[in-house]
Protein backbone atom coordinates (compact mmCIF):
# COMPACT_ATOMS: atom_id res chain seq x y z
CA UNK A 1 -2.97 -12.38 9.30
CA UNK A 2 -3.83 -15.56 10.87
CA UNK A 3 -6.24 -13.82 12.94
CA UNK A 4 -7.88 -12.05 10.20
CA UNK A 5 -8.09 -15.60 8.24
CA UNK A 6 -9.94 -17.13 11.02
CA UNK A 7 -12.75 -13.74 11.17
CA UNK A 8 -13.25 -14.28 7.44
CA UNK A 9 -13.62 -18.22 7.62
CA UNK A 10 -16.38 -17.61 10.58
CA UNK A 11 -18.11 -14.82 8.99
CA UNK A 12 -18.55 -17.02 5.85
CA UNK A 13 -19.96 -19.92 7.96
CA UNK A 14 -22.93 -17.89 9.28
CA UNK A 15 -26.44 -18.07 8.22
CA UNK A 16 -28.63 -14.84 9.05
CA UNK A 17 -27.57 -11.24 9.44
CA UNK A 18 -29.01 -11.49 13.02
CA UNK A 19 -26.79 -14.44 13.70
CA UNK A 20 -23.55 -12.76 12.20
CA UNK A 21 -24.22 -9.52 14.34
CA UNK A 22 -24.73 -11.06 17.66
CA UNK A 23 -21.73 -13.64 17.06
CA UNK A 24 -19.37 -10.70 15.88
CA UNK A 25 -20.38 -8.37 19.09
CA UNK A 26 -19.62 -11.70 21.51
CA UNK A 27 -16.43 -12.06 19.83
CA UNK A 28 -15.44 -8.32 20.37
CA UNK A 29 -16.87 -8.66 23.87
CA UNK A 30 -14.78 -11.81 24.40
CA UNK A 31 -11.46 -10.34 22.59
CA UNK A 32 -12.12 -7.18 25.17
CA UNK A 33 -12.21 -9.52 28.27
CA UNK A 34 -8.86 -11.37 27.25
CA UNK A 35 -7.22 -8.16 27.41
CA UNK A 36 -4.76 -6.90 30.35
CA UNK A 37 -6.61 -4.79 32.91
CA UNK A 38 -5.78 -1.17 31.77
CA UNK A 39 -6.49 -2.14 28.21
CA UNK A 40 -9.80 -4.26 28.83
CA UNK A 41 -11.10 -0.85 31.01
CA UNK A 42 -10.47 1.42 28.22
CA UNK A 43 -11.89 -1.05 25.68
CA UNK A 44 -15.12 -1.64 27.42
CA UNK A 45 -15.40 1.96 27.66
CA UNK A 46 -14.52 2.67 24.00
CA UNK A 47 -17.04 -0.18 23.15
CA UNK A 48 -19.96 1.56 25.28
CA UNK A 49 -19.06 5.28 23.96
CA UNK A 50 -18.97 3.99 20.14
CA UNK A 51 -22.25 1.96 20.69
CA UNK A 52 -23.80 4.70 22.11
CA UNK A 53 -22.69 7.27 19.73
CA UNK A 54 -23.03 5.72 16.55
CA UNK A 55 -25.62 2.65 16.90
CA UNK A 56 -25.34 1.95 13.24
CA UNK A 57 -21.74 0.82 13.36
CA UNK A 58 -21.60 -2.90 13.63
CA UNK A 59 -18.70 -4.58 16.05
CA UNK A 60 -16.60 -7.05 14.41
CA UNK A 61 -12.96 -8.28 15.12
CA UNK A 62 -10.49 -6.79 12.39
CA UNK A 63 -7.17 -8.32 12.49
CA UNK A 64 -7.73 -9.58 15.80
CA UNK A 65 -8.90 -6.39 17.48
CA UNK A 66 -12.48 -4.69 18.29
CA UNK A 67 -13.31 -2.68 15.17
CA UNK A 68 -16.67 -1.07 14.31
CA UNK A 69 -18.13 -0.99 10.50
CA UNK A 70 -20.64 0.52 8.58
CA UNK A 71 -22.07 -1.65 5.84
CA UNK A 72 -19.26 -4.31 6.29
CA UNK A 73 -16.39 -1.78 6.01
CA UNK A 74 -14.11 -0.96 9.02
CA UNK A 75 -14.42 2.73 10.17
CA UNK A 76 -12.72 2.28 13.63
CA UNK A 77 -10.79 0.18 16.01
CA UNK A 78 -9.15 -0.23 19.03
CA UNK A 79 -5.77 -1.40 19.61
CA UNK A 80 -4.69 -2.84 22.83
CA UNK A 81 -1.12 -1.62 24.06
CA UNK A 82 -0.05 -5.43 24.94
CA UNK A 83 -0.73 -6.42 21.45
CA UNK A 84 1.91 -4.45 19.74
CA UNK A 85 4.04 -4.20 22.86
CA UNK A 86 3.30 -0.56 23.12
CA UNK A 87 3.47 1.91 26.06
CA UNK A 88 -0.07 3.23 24.97
CA UNK A 89 -3.45 1.73 23.22
CA UNK A 90 -4.66 3.13 20.28
CA UNK A 91 -8.16 4.19 18.95
CA UNK A 92 -8.00 4.58 15.06
CA UNK A 93 -9.94 5.38 12.13
CA UNK A 94 -9.85 3.84 8.81
CA UNK A 95 -10.29 5.58 5.40
CA UNK A 96 -13.66 4.75 5.61
CA UNK A 97 -14.26 7.54 8.13
CA UNK A 98 -15.29 10.92 7.34
CA UNK A 99 -13.02 12.79 9.07
CA UNK A 100 -11.39 14.49 6.41
CA UNK A 101 -10.25 18.09 7.71
CA UNK A 102 -7.93 20.02 4.59
CA UNK A 103 -5.26 18.06 3.49
CA UNK A 104 -3.82 16.65 6.86
CA UNK A 105 -5.92 15.40 10.08
CA UNK A 106 -5.45 12.56 12.74
CA UNK A 107 -6.60 8.94 11.84
CA UNK A 108 -5.37 7.45 15.30
CA UNK A 109 -5.15 8.60 18.98
CA UNK A 110 -3.01 7.40 21.78
CA UNK A 111 -4.81 6.39 24.86
CA UNK A 112 -3.25 5.93 28.29
CA UNK A 113 -6.99 6.58 30.14
CA UNK A 114 -10.09 7.74 29.15
CA UNK A 115 -11.32 10.79 31.13
CA UNK A 116 -15.10 12.38 30.70
CA UNK A 117 -13.72 14.83 28.62
CA UNK A 118 -11.97 12.02 26.52
CA UNK A 119 -15.02 9.95 26.10
CA UNK A 120 -16.86 12.99 25.03
CA UNK A 121 -14.37 13.76 22.31
CA UNK A 122 -14.11 9.94 21.30
CA UNK A 123 -17.94 10.16 20.93
CA UNK A 124 -17.85 13.65 18.71
CA UNK A 125 -15.07 11.95 16.59
CA UNK A 126 -17.14 8.57 15.93
CA UNK A 127 -20.17 10.59 15.28
CA UNK A 128 -18.25 12.25 12.55
CA UNK A 129 -16.87 9.54 11.26
CA UNK A 130 -20.28 8.06 10.02
CA UNK A 131 -22.17 11.33 8.99
């Protein structure tokens, strides 16, 4: 919660949209750079896949995690394994993601690595989430 409070304060101080977008992306890249090797490598790939698949999503920190927002609302996010002392990282979607499929669908995926097939699946999910 402390990280989220800092994020909100920093966001309120920025003047232009371009400056805000640049600072938000820099903050996400800095957070990714702080991660342990295995999480960092996955987070870098996730960042690249999201940016390529849905350029309309804006990177931002959300509760200290890399996240991607549309019109200021977080659509998807990456959680490092280290942050929650878990055995795997996760890539999740908020309720803003348009992934509805019947009355039950996955909203979070465990990541222990990212193969080319995993990246393709992630790209497809991110595209679906914003359309």
